[in-house]
Structure formats: C-alpha cells, structure tokens
C-alpha cells in the first residue's frame, strides 16, 4: 500500500527541474587546425592497424598452442587385418544402467581403408559392415578357450542325536 503524500511538503511541477538536476554547461575543445587534426587522425588509424595486427598474431599463436595440445592427446589407432575389435554403441541412451557397457563385440577386422574407415564382421553372423575407425578399440580378450568346471554342492548329513 502506498502512503498518501504529505500535504505540507511542496512538490515541483512537471515543468520545473530541481536545482540539483540542472545541467552544467559542457565545454569541449575543438581543434580547428585542420593539419594537426589530420595528422592526429592518421596516427590513430596507424595505431589501430598495429593493434589489429598484434591481436591477429596473438590469436594465431593461441590457436597453434591449442592445436598442439589437442594433437598431443589424439591416439592414432592402427588396425590390421584379422584384429579383434570392440565397437562403441553411441545410441545406447535411455536408462542404460549404471554398469552397462557401451562397447559391443568382439568383431573381426576385414579391411582397413586409408580414409580411416574399417570393415568389420561379427563372429556370430557373417554380416560385414563399414564403420569409422574412431569408434573402434582393440579387443584385449582371452584368445584361448575357457575351461568350464562344474561343482555340485550337497547338503551335509545331519546326525539324529539331540
């Protein structure tokens, strides 16, 4: 709720300006010497060009440093024919589960192209398909067949003595 204005205080009318808001006269010196103004303007333009050049140089040095840093972390993957690889499943989106792996496979490499594409074949079926080599990694699984051991557990005999 707004409090009513006190009738004892006077308010300035809309056309009046208070003395604290009165504009002070602003004076700006204007250089009327055309020769001096022209040389000043030309030197300012030269300074601006130099500033732009230094900014361009700084930006190019920054880009080179970032490229070196990025390229240092890139791991080049070389696949040979017959290698076993895992394929990254990027479409596994909706509630995959906390421990669900995004890698599927293993697949066998059939052909490697110079562009980085790799043809792989699944071990279960003979469907050959071409994928980007960036979404593959070498499979470090066990090559020898696994030995299966069965252990049957039985209940121990209880004696009938109380």
N, C-alpha and C. Protein backbone atom coordinates (compact mmCIF):
# COMPACT_ATOMS: atom_id res chain seq x y z
N UNK A 1 0.84 -1.17 0.00
CA UNK A 1 0.00 0.00 0.00
C UNK A 1 0.88 1.23 0.00
N UNK A 2 0.51 2.22 -0.78
CA UNK A 2 1.28 3.45 -0.90
C UNK A 2 0.76 4.45 0.11
N UNK A 3 1.68 5.09 0.85
CA UNK A 3 1.28 6.11 1.82
C UNK A 3 0.90 7.39 1.08
N UNK A 4 -0.14 8.09 1.54
CA UNK A 4 -0.52 9.34 0.87
C UNK A 4 0.55 10.40 1.06
N UNK A 5 0.67 11.29 0.09
CA UNK A 5 1.68 12.34 0.14
C UNK A 5 1.35 13.31 1.26
N UNK A 6 2.39 13.80 1.90
CA UNK A 6 2.21 14.78 2.97
C UNK A 6 1.84 16.12 2.34
N UNK A 7 0.68 16.70 2.70
CA UNK A 7 0.26 17.94 2.05
C UNK A 7 1.11 19.14 2.44
N UNK A 8 1.90 19.03 3.53
CA UNK A 8 2.71 20.19 3.94
C UNK A 8 3.95 20.37 3.08
N UNK A 9 4.40 19.30 2.39
CA UNK A 9 5.58 19.43 1.53
C UNK A 9 5.13 19.80 0.13
N UNK A 10 5.90 20.62 -0.51
CA UNK A 10 5.53 21.04 -1.86
C UNK A 10 6.31 20.21 -2.86
N UNK A 11 5.64 19.81 -3.90
CA UNK A 11 6.26 19.03 -4.96
C UNK A 11 6.50 19.95 -6.15
N UNK A 12 7.65 19.78 -6.82
CA UNK A 12 7.86 20.61 -8.01
C UNK A 12 6.91 20.17 -9.12
N UNK A 13 6.51 21.09 -9.93
CA UNK A 13 5.62 20.75 -11.03
C UNK A 13 6.40 20.00 -12.10
N UNK A 14 5.69 19.43 -13.03
CA UNK A 14 6.32 18.62 -14.06
C UNK A 14 7.25 19.45 -14.93
N UNK A 15 7.00 20.70 -15.11
CA UNK A 15 7.84 21.53 -15.96
C UNK A 15 9.09 22.04 -15.28
N UNK A 16 9.12 21.98 -13.95
CA UNK A 16 10.26 22.51 -13.22
C UNK A 16 11.34 21.44 -13.09
N UNK A 17 12.57 21.88 -13.00
CA UNK A 17 13.68 20.98 -12.71
C UNK A 17 14.29 21.43 -11.41
N UNK A 18 14.64 20.49 -10.56
CA UNK A 18 15.25 20.88 -9.30
C UNK A 18 16.64 21.42 -9.58
N UNK A 19 17.16 22.17 -8.64
CA UNK A 19 18.46 22.80 -8.86
C UNK A 19 19.58 21.78 -8.94
N UNK A 20 19.40 20.60 -8.28
CA UNK A 20 20.45 19.59 -8.32
C UNK A 20 20.50 18.89 -9.68
N UNK A 21 19.42 18.92 -10.41
CA UNK A 21 19.39 18.26 -11.71
C UNK A 21 19.64 19.21 -12.86
N UNK A 22 19.93 20.45 -12.57
CA UNK A 22 20.15 21.42 -13.64
C UNK A 22 21.43 21.05 -14.38
N UNK A 23 21.39 21.04 -15.69
CA UNK A 23 22.58 20.65 -16.44
C UNK A 23 23.68 21.70 -16.33
N UNK A 24 24.89 21.19 -16.13
CA UNK A 24 26.05 22.08 -16.09
C UNK A 24 26.51 22.30 -17.52
N UNK A 25 27.03 23.44 -17.81
CA UNK A 25 27.49 23.68 -19.19
C UNK A 25 28.68 22.78 -19.51
N UNK A 26 28.60 22.05 -20.62
CA UNK A 26 29.67 21.16 -21.05
C UNK A 26 30.46 21.86 -22.13
N UNK A 27 31.74 21.94 -21.89
CA UNK A 27 32.61 22.58 -22.85
C UNK A 27 33.57 21.55 -23.41
N UNK A 28 33.71 21.52 -24.70
CA UNK A 28 34.65 20.61 -25.34
C UNK A 28 35.49 21.42 -26.30
N UNK A 29 36.76 21.22 -26.19
CA UNK A 29 37.67 21.96 -27.05
C UNK A 29 37.67 21.31 -28.43
N UNK A 30 37.54 22.07 -29.43
CA UNK A 30 37.56 21.58 -30.79
C UNK A 30 38.81 22.11 -31.46
N UNK A 31 39.59 21.18 -32.00
CA UNK A 31 40.82 21.59 -32.67
C UNK A 31 40.45 22.06 -34.07
N UNK A 32 40.58 23.33 -34.28
CA UNK A 32 40.21 23.89 -35.58
C UNK A 32 41.37 23.87 -36.57
N UNK A 33 42.54 23.44 -36.12
CA UNK A 33 43.69 23.34 -37.02
C UNK A 33 43.53 22.05 -37.83
N UNK A 34 43.23 22.17 -39.11
CA UNK A 34 42.94 21.01 -39.95
C UNK A 34 44.16 20.13 -40.14
N UNK A 35 45.32 20.73 -40.28
CA UNK A 35 46.56 19.95 -40.48
C UNK A 35 46.84 19.08 -39.25
N UNK A 36 46.76 19.66 -38.06
CA UNK A 36 47.05 18.90 -36.83
C UNK A 36 45.99 17.82 -36.62
N UNK A 37 44.73 18.14 -36.88
CA UNK A 37 43.66 17.15 -36.73
C UNK A 37 43.84 15.99 -37.71
N UNK A 38 44.27 16.30 -38.93
CA UNK A 38 44.50 15.25 -39.93
C UNK A 38 45.63 14.32 -39.54
N UNK A 39 46.75 14.88 -39.07
CA UNK A 39 47.88 14.03 -38.66
C UNK A 39 47.52 13.20 -37.43
N UNK A 40 46.75 13.80 -36.51
CA UNK A 40 46.32 13.04 -35.33
C UNK A 40 45.44 11.86 -35.75
N UNK A 41 44.55 12.11 -36.68
CA UNK A 41 43.65 11.05 -37.16
C UNK A 41 44.44 9.95 -37.86
N UNK A 42 45.41 10.30 -38.66
CA UNK A 42 46.23 9.30 -39.36
C UNK A 42 47.03 8.48 -38.37
N UNK A 43 47.62 9.11 -37.34
CA UNK A 43 48.38 8.34 -36.35
C UNK A 43 47.45 7.41 -35.56
N UNK A 44 46.23 7.86 -35.28
CA UNK A 44 45.27 6.97 -34.59
C UNK A 44 44.92 5.77 -35.46
N UNK A 45 44.78 5.98 -36.77
CA UNK A 45 44.49 4.86 -37.68
C UNK A 45 45.66 3.89 -37.75
N UNK A 46 46.89 4.43 -37.75
CA UNK A 46 48.07 3.55 -37.76
C UNK A 46 48.15 2.74 -36.46
N UNK A 47 47.84 3.38 -35.33
CA UNK A 47 47.85 2.66 -34.06
C UNK A 47 46.78 1.57 -34.05
N UNK A 48 45.63 1.86 -34.64
CA UNK A 48 44.56 0.88 -34.72
C UNK A 48 44.97 -0.32 -35.59
N UNK A 49 45.63 -0.05 -36.72
CA UNK A 49 46.13 -1.14 -37.57
C UNK A 49 47.15 -1.99 -36.83
N UNK A 50 48.05 -1.33 -36.08
CA UNK A 50 49.06 -2.07 -35.32
C UNK A 50 48.39 -2.92 -34.23
N UNK A 51 47.38 -2.37 -33.58
CA UNK A 51 46.65 -3.12 -32.55
C UNK A 51 45.96 -4.34 -33.16
N UNK A 52 45.36 -4.17 -34.33
CA UNK A 52 44.71 -5.30 -35.01
C UNK A 52 45.72 -6.37 -35.40
N UNK A 53 46.90 -5.95 -35.87
CA UNK A 53 47.94 -6.90 -36.24
C UNK A 53 48.40 -7.69 -35.02
N UNK A 54 48.62 -7.00 -33.89
CA UNK A 54 49.05 -7.69 -32.67
C UNK A 54 47.97 -8.65 -32.17
N UNK A 55 46.70 -8.26 -32.29
CA UNK A 55 45.61 -9.14 -31.88
C UNK A 55 45.56 -10.38 -32.78
N UNK A 56 45.76 -10.19 -34.09
CA UNK A 56 45.78 -11.32 -35.03
C UNK A 56 46.93 -12.26 -34.71
N UNK A 57 48.11 -11.69 -34.43
CA UNK A 57 49.29 -12.50 -34.13
C UNK A 57 49.07 -13.29 -32.83
N UNK A 58 48.51 -12.63 -31.83
CA UNK A 58 48.25 -13.30 -30.55
C UNK A 58 47.23 -14.42 -30.73
N UNK A 59 46.21 -14.19 -31.53
CA UNK A 59 45.19 -15.21 -31.77
C UNK A 59 45.78 -16.40 -32.52
N UNK A 60 46.62 -16.14 -33.50
CA UNK A 60 47.21 -17.25 -34.25
C UNK A 60 48.15 -18.07 -33.37
N UNK A 61 48.91 -17.41 -32.47
CA UNK A 61 49.77 -18.15 -31.54
C UNK A 61 48.93 -19.01 -30.59
N UNK A 62 47.82 -18.46 -30.12
CA UNK A 62 46.92 -19.21 -29.24
C UNK A 62 46.35 -20.43 -29.96
N UNK A 63 45.94 -20.25 -31.21
CA UNK A 63 45.38 -21.37 -31.97
C UNK A 63 46.42 -22.46 -32.19
N UNK A 64 47.66 -22.07 -32.46
CA UNK A 64 48.73 -23.06 -32.65
C UNK A 64 48.96 -23.85 -31.37
N UNK A 65 48.99 -23.15 -30.22
CA UNK A 65 49.19 -23.84 -28.94
C UNK A 65 48.06 -24.81 -28.66
N UNK A 66 46.83 -24.38 -28.91
CA UNK A 66 45.68 -25.26 -28.66
C UNK A 66 45.69 -26.46 -29.61
N UNK A 67 46.12 -26.27 -30.85
CA UNK A 67 46.20 -27.38 -31.80
C UNK A 67 47.25 -28.39 -31.35
N UNK A 68 48.41 -27.88 -30.89
CA UNK A 68 49.46 -28.78 -30.40
C UNK A 68 48.96 -29.57 -29.19
N UNK A 69 48.27 -28.89 -28.28
CA UNK A 69 47.75 -29.55 -27.09
C UNK A 69 46.71 -30.60 -27.46
N UNK A 70 45.85 -30.29 -28.41
CA UNK A 70 44.82 -31.23 -28.86
C UNK A 70 45.44 -32.42 -29.57
N UNK A 71 46.39 -32.15 -30.47
CA UNK A 71 47.00 -33.23 -31.25
C UNK A 71 47.84 -34.16 -30.37
N UNK A 72 48.36 -33.63 -29.26
CA UNK A 72 49.16 -34.45 -28.36
C UNK A 72 48.32 -35.54 -27.71
N UNK A 73 47.03 -35.26 -27.50
CA UNK A 73 46.16 -36.22 -26.81
C UNK A 73 45.45 -37.17 -27.76
N UNK A 74 45.62 -37.01 -29.05
CA UNK A 74 44.97 -37.90 -30.01
C UNK A 74 45.78 -39.19 -30.12
N UNK A 75 45.09 -40.30 -29.96
CA UNK A 75 45.73 -41.60 -30.07
C UNK A 75 45.42 -42.15 -31.46
N UNK A 76 46.46 -42.39 -32.23
CA UNK A 76 46.25 -42.94 -33.57
C UNK A 76 46.06 -44.44 -33.46
N UNK A 77 45.00 -44.91 -34.06
CA UNK A 77 44.67 -46.32 -33.98
C UNK A 77 45.01 -47.00 -35.30
N UNK A 78 45.84 -48.01 -35.21
CA UNK A 78 46.21 -48.80 -36.38
C UNK A 78 45.59 -50.18 -36.23
N UNK A 79 44.76 -50.53 -37.18
CA UNK A 79 44.13 -51.85 -37.17
C UNK A 79 44.69 -52.67 -38.32
N UNK A 80 44.96 -53.93 -38.04
CA UNK A 80 45.46 -54.86 -39.05
C UNK A 80 44.35 -55.85 -39.38
N UNK A 81 44.48 -56.49 -40.52
CA UNK A 81 43.50 -57.50 -40.90
C UNK A 81 43.52 -58.63 -39.88
N UNK A 82 42.34 -59.05 -39.47
CA UNK A 82 42.22 -60.14 -38.52
C UNK A 82 42.21 -59.71 -37.07
N UNK A 83 42.44 -58.44 -36.76
CA UNK A 83 42.39 -57.96 -35.38
C UNK A 83 40.98 -58.08 -34.84
N UNK A 84 40.88 -58.35 -33.55
CA UNK A 84 39.59 -58.36 -32.88
C UNK A 84 39.38 -56.98 -32.26
N UNK A 85 38.20 -56.39 -32.51
CA UNK A 85 37.92 -55.03 -32.04
C UNK A 85 36.55 -54.99 -31.36
N UNK A 86 36.36 -53.94 -30.56
CA UNK A 86 35.07 -53.64 -29.95
C UNK A 86 34.51 -52.39 -30.60
N UNK A 87 33.20 -52.33 -30.74
CA UNK A 87 32.51 -51.22 -31.39
C UNK A 87 31.77 -50.41 -30.34
N UNK A 88 31.95 -49.08 -30.35
CA UNK A 88 31.28 -48.19 -29.41
C UNK A 88 29.84 -47.97 -29.85
N UNK A 89 28.91 -48.22 -28.95
CA UNK A 89 27.49 -48.04 -29.25
C UNK A 89 27.05 -46.68 -28.73
N UNK A 90 27.01 -45.68 -29.60
CA UNK A 90 26.66 -44.33 -29.18
C UNK A 90 25.16 -44.13 -29.06
N UNK A 91 24.36 -45.07 -29.52
CA UNK A 91 22.90 -44.91 -29.48
C UNK A 91 22.27 -45.48 -28.20
N UNK A 92 23.08 -45.99 -27.32
CA UNK A 92 22.57 -46.55 -26.07
C UNK A 92 22.30 -45.38 -25.12
N UNK A 93 21.09 -44.83 -25.18
CA UNK A 93 20.79 -43.60 -24.46
C UNK A 93 19.86 -43.80 -23.26
N UNK A 94 18.71 -44.38 -23.46
CA UNK A 94 17.68 -44.38 -22.44
C UNK A 94 17.96 -45.40 -21.35
N UNK A 95 18.26 -44.94 -20.19
CA UNK A 95 18.46 -45.74 -19.00
C UNK A 95 19.31 -46.98 -19.26
N UNK A 96 20.55 -46.82 -19.64
CA UNK A 96 21.36 -47.99 -19.98
C UNK A 96 21.75 -48.80 -18.75
N UNK A 97 21.61 -48.26 -17.58
CA UNK A 97 22.05 -48.95 -16.38
C UNK A 97 23.43 -48.48 -16.00
N UNK A 98 23.69 -48.51 -14.73
CA UNK A 98 24.94 -47.94 -14.23
C UNK A 98 26.16 -48.70 -14.74
N UNK A 99 26.07 -50.00 -14.80
CA UNK A 99 27.22 -50.80 -15.18
C UNK A 99 27.12 -51.36 -16.59
N UNK A 100 26.18 -50.89 -17.36
CA UNK A 100 26.00 -51.37 -18.73
C UNK A 100 27.13 -50.83 -19.61
N UNK A 101 27.79 -51.71 -20.31
CA UNK A 101 28.89 -51.31 -21.18
C UNK A 101 28.35 -50.75 -22.49
N UNK A 102 29.01 -49.74 -23.00
CA UNK A 102 28.62 -49.17 -24.29
C UNK A 102 29.40 -49.81 -25.44
N UNK A 103 30.26 -50.74 -25.14
CA UNK A 103 31.06 -51.41 -26.17
C UNK A 103 30.42 -52.74 -26.51
N UNK A 104 30.25 -53.00 -27.79
CA UNK A 104 29.69 -54.28 -28.23
C UNK A 104 30.73 -55.01 -29.07
N UNK A 105 30.59 -56.29 -29.13
CA UNK A 105 31.54 -57.06 -29.92
C UNK A 105 31.92 -58.33 -29.21
N UNK A 106 32.95 -58.97 -29.59
CA UNK A 106 34.04 -58.55 -30.48
C UNK A 106 33.71 -58.76 -31.95
N UNK A 107 34.38 -58.00 -32.78
CA UNK A 107 34.27 -58.09 -34.23
C UNK A 107 35.66 -58.33 -34.80
N UNK A 108 35.70 -58.89 -36.00
CA UNK A 108 36.98 -59.14 -36.67
C UNK A 108 37.14 -58.13 -37.81
N UNK A 109 38.35 -57.54 -37.93
CA UNK A 109 38.63 -56.56 -38.98
C UNK A 109 38.83 -57.30 -40.30
N UNK A 110 38.07 -56.87 -41.34
CA UNK A 110 38.15 -57.48 -42.65
C UNK A 110 39.00 -56.63 -43.58
N UNK A 111 38.79 -55.31 -43.54
CA UNK A 111 39.53 -54.41 -44.43
C UNK A 111 39.69 -53.05 -43.76
N UNK A 112 40.85 -52.43 -44.00
CA UNK A 112 41.14 -51.09 -43.47
C UNK A 112 41.36 -50.16 -44.66
N UNK A 113 40.64 -49.04 -44.68
CA UNK A 113 40.74 -48.07 -45.77
C UNK A 113 41.64 -46.90 -45.35
N UNK A 114 42.29 -46.23 -46.31
CA UNK A 114 43.17 -45.11 -45.97
C UNK A 114 42.43 -43.92 -45.33
N UNK A 115 41.14 -43.81 -45.57
CA UNK A 115 40.38 -42.68 -45.01
C UNK A 115 40.09 -42.85 -43.53
N UNK A 116 40.37 -44.02 -42.97
CA UNK A 116 40.09 -44.28 -41.56
C UNK A 116 38.89 -45.18 -41.36
N UNK A 117 38.19 -45.51 -42.43
CA UNK A 117 37.05 -46.42 -42.33
C UNK A 117 37.57 -47.85 -42.20
N UNK A 118 36.81 -48.67 -41.51
CA UNK A 118 37.20 -50.06 -41.27
C UNK A 118 35.98 -50.94 -41.53
N UNK A 119 36.19 -52.03 -42.26
CA UNK A 119 35.13 -53.02 -42.45
C UNK A 119 35.33 -54.11 -41.41
N UNK A 120 34.24 -54.40 -40.69
CA UNK A 120 34.31 -55.42 -39.64
C UNK A 120 33.20 -56.44 -39.87
N UNK A 121 33.40 -57.62 -39.31
CA UNK A 121 32.41 -58.69 -39.41
C UNK A 121 32.20 -59.25 -38.01
N UNK A 122 30.94 -59.55 -37.68
CA UNK A 122 30.62 -60.15 -36.39
C UNK A 122 31.00 -61.62 -36.41
N UNK A 123 31.36 -62.15 -35.28
CA UNK A 123 31.75 -63.55 -35.19
C UNK A 123 30.53 -64.46 -35.32
N UNK A 124 29.37 -64.01 -34.83
CA UNK A 124 28.18 -64.87 -34.83
C UNK A 124 27.60 -65.02 -36.23
N UNK A 125 27.39 -63.90 -36.91
CA UNK A 125 26.88 -63.96 -38.28
C UNK A 125 27.92 -63.34 -39.20
N UNK A 126 27.79 -63.56 -40.47
CA UNK A 126 28.81 -63.08 -41.41
C UNK A 126 28.41 -61.76 -42.05
N UNK A 127 27.72 -60.90 -41.29
CA UNK A 127 27.31 -59.60 -41.81
C UNK A 127 28.49 -58.63 -41.75
N UNK A 128 28.93 -58.14 -42.92
CA UNK A 128 30.05 -57.20 -43.00
C UNK A 128 29.49 -55.79 -43.06
N UNK A 129 30.03 -54.90 -42.24
CA UNK A 129 29.62 -53.50 -42.33
C UNK A 129 30.82 -52.59 -42.10
N UNK A 130 30.71 -51.38 -42.62
CA UNK A 130 31.79 -50.40 -42.60
C UNK A 130 31.51 -49.35 -41.53
N UNK A 131 32.51 -49.08 -40.68
CA UNK A 131 32.36 -48.10 -39.60
C UNK A 131 33.57 -47.17 -39.59
N UNK A 132 33.43 -46.09 -38.87
CA UNK A 132 34.53 -45.15 -38.66
C UNK A 132 35.52 -45.77 -37.68
N UNK A 133 36.80 -45.67 -37.97
CA UNK A 133 37.82 -46.25 -37.12
C UNK A 133 37.93 -45.59 -35.76
N UNK A 134 37.36 -44.38 -35.60
CA UNK A 134 37.43 -43.68 -34.33
C UNK A 134 36.56 -44.33 -33.25
N UNK A 135 35.56 -45.11 -33.65
CA UNK A 135 34.67 -45.71 -32.66
C UNK A 135 35.01 -47.17 -32.40
N UNK A 136 36.22 -47.57 -32.77
CA UNK A 136 36.69 -48.93 -32.52
C UNK A 136 37.85 -48.91 -31.54
N UNK A 137 37.99 -49.97 -30.79
CA UNK A 137 39.20 -50.16 -29.98
C UNK A 137 39.56 -51.63 -30.00
N UNK A 138 40.84 -51.89 -29.82
CA UNK A 138 41.31 -53.27 -29.86
C UNK A 138 40.71 -54.06 -28.71
N UNK A 139 40.33 -55.28 -29.01
CA UNK A 139 39.76 -56.18 -28.01
C UNK A 139 40.89 -56.92 -27.35
N UNK A 140 41.00 -56.79 -26.05
CA UNK A 140 42.07 -57.45 -25.31
C UNK A 140 41.52 -58.64 -24.54
N UNK A 141 40.64 -59.39 -25.16
CA UNK A 141 40.03 -60.55 -24.51
C UNK A 141 40.96 -61.74 -24.54
N UNK A 142 40.49 -62.80 -23.94
CA UNK A 142 41.30 -64.01 -23.89
C UNK A 142 41.08 -64.80 -25.17
N UNK A 143 42.16 -65.24 -25.78
CA UNK A 143 42.08 -65.97 -27.04
C UNK A 143 41.88 -67.47 -26.84
N UNK A 144 42.41 -68.01 -25.74
CA UNK A 144 42.29 -69.45 -25.53
C UNK A 144 40.88 -69.77 -25.03
N UNK A 145 40.40 -70.96 -25.35
CA UNK A 145 39.06 -71.34 -24.89
C UNK A 145 39.03 -71.46 -23.37
N UNK A 146 37.90 -71.10 -22.81
CA UNK A 146 37.76 -71.14 -21.37
C UNK A 146 37.42 -72.55 -20.92
N UNK A 147 37.97 -72.95 -19.79
CA UNK A 147 37.69 -74.26 -19.23
C UNK A 147 36.54 -74.11 -18.24
N UNK A 148 35.52 -74.88 -18.42
CA UNK A 148 34.35 -74.81 -17.56
C UNK A 148 34.43 -75.94 -16.54
N UNK A 149 34.30 -75.58 -15.28
CA UNK A 149 34.34 -76.57 -14.20
C UNK A 149 33.01 -76.50 -13.46
N UNK A 150 32.36 -77.65 -13.30
CA UNK A 150 31.10 -77.71 -12.56
C UNK A 150 31.37 -78.28 -11.19
N UNK A 151 30.83 -77.64 -10.19
CA UNK A 151 30.95 -78.12 -8.81
C UNK A 151 29.54 -78.30 -8.27
N UNK A 152 29.21 -79.52 -7.87
CA UNK A 152 27.89 -79.82 -7.30
C UNK A 152 28.01 -79.80 -5.79
N UNK A 153 27.19 -78.99 -5.17
CA UNK A 153 27.19 -78.91 -3.72
C UNK A 153 26.02 -79.72 -3.17
N UNK A 154 26.29 -80.47 -2.13
CA UNK A 154 25.24 -81.28 -1.50
C UNK A 154 25.11 -80.86 -0.04
N UNK A 155 23.94 -81.12 0.51
CA UNK A 155 23.71 -80.82 1.92
C UNK A 155 24.49 -81.82 2.78
N UNK A 156 25.12 -81.34 3.84
CA UNK A 156 25.82 -82.29 4.71
C UNK A 156 24.82 -83.15 5.50
N UNK A 157 25.24 -84.37 5.84
CA UNK A 157 24.40 -85.29 6.61
C UNK A 157 24.33 -84.80 8.05
N UNK A 158 23.11 -84.75 8.57
CA UNK A 158 22.93 -84.35 9.96
C UNK A 158 22.72 -85.60 10.81
N UNK A 159 23.31 -85.57 11.94
CA UNK A 159 23.11 -86.73 12.83
C UNK A 159 21.77 -86.59 13.55
N UNK A 160 21.18 -87.71 13.91
CA UNK A 160 19.86 -87.70 14.54
C UNK A 160 19.95 -87.59 16.05
N UNK A 161 21.13 -87.45 16.61
CA UNK A 161 21.30 -87.33 18.06
C UNK A 161 20.97 -85.92 18.50
N UNK A 162 20.16 -85.79 19.60
CA UNK A 162 19.82 -84.46 20.09
C UNK A 162 20.87 -83.84 20.93
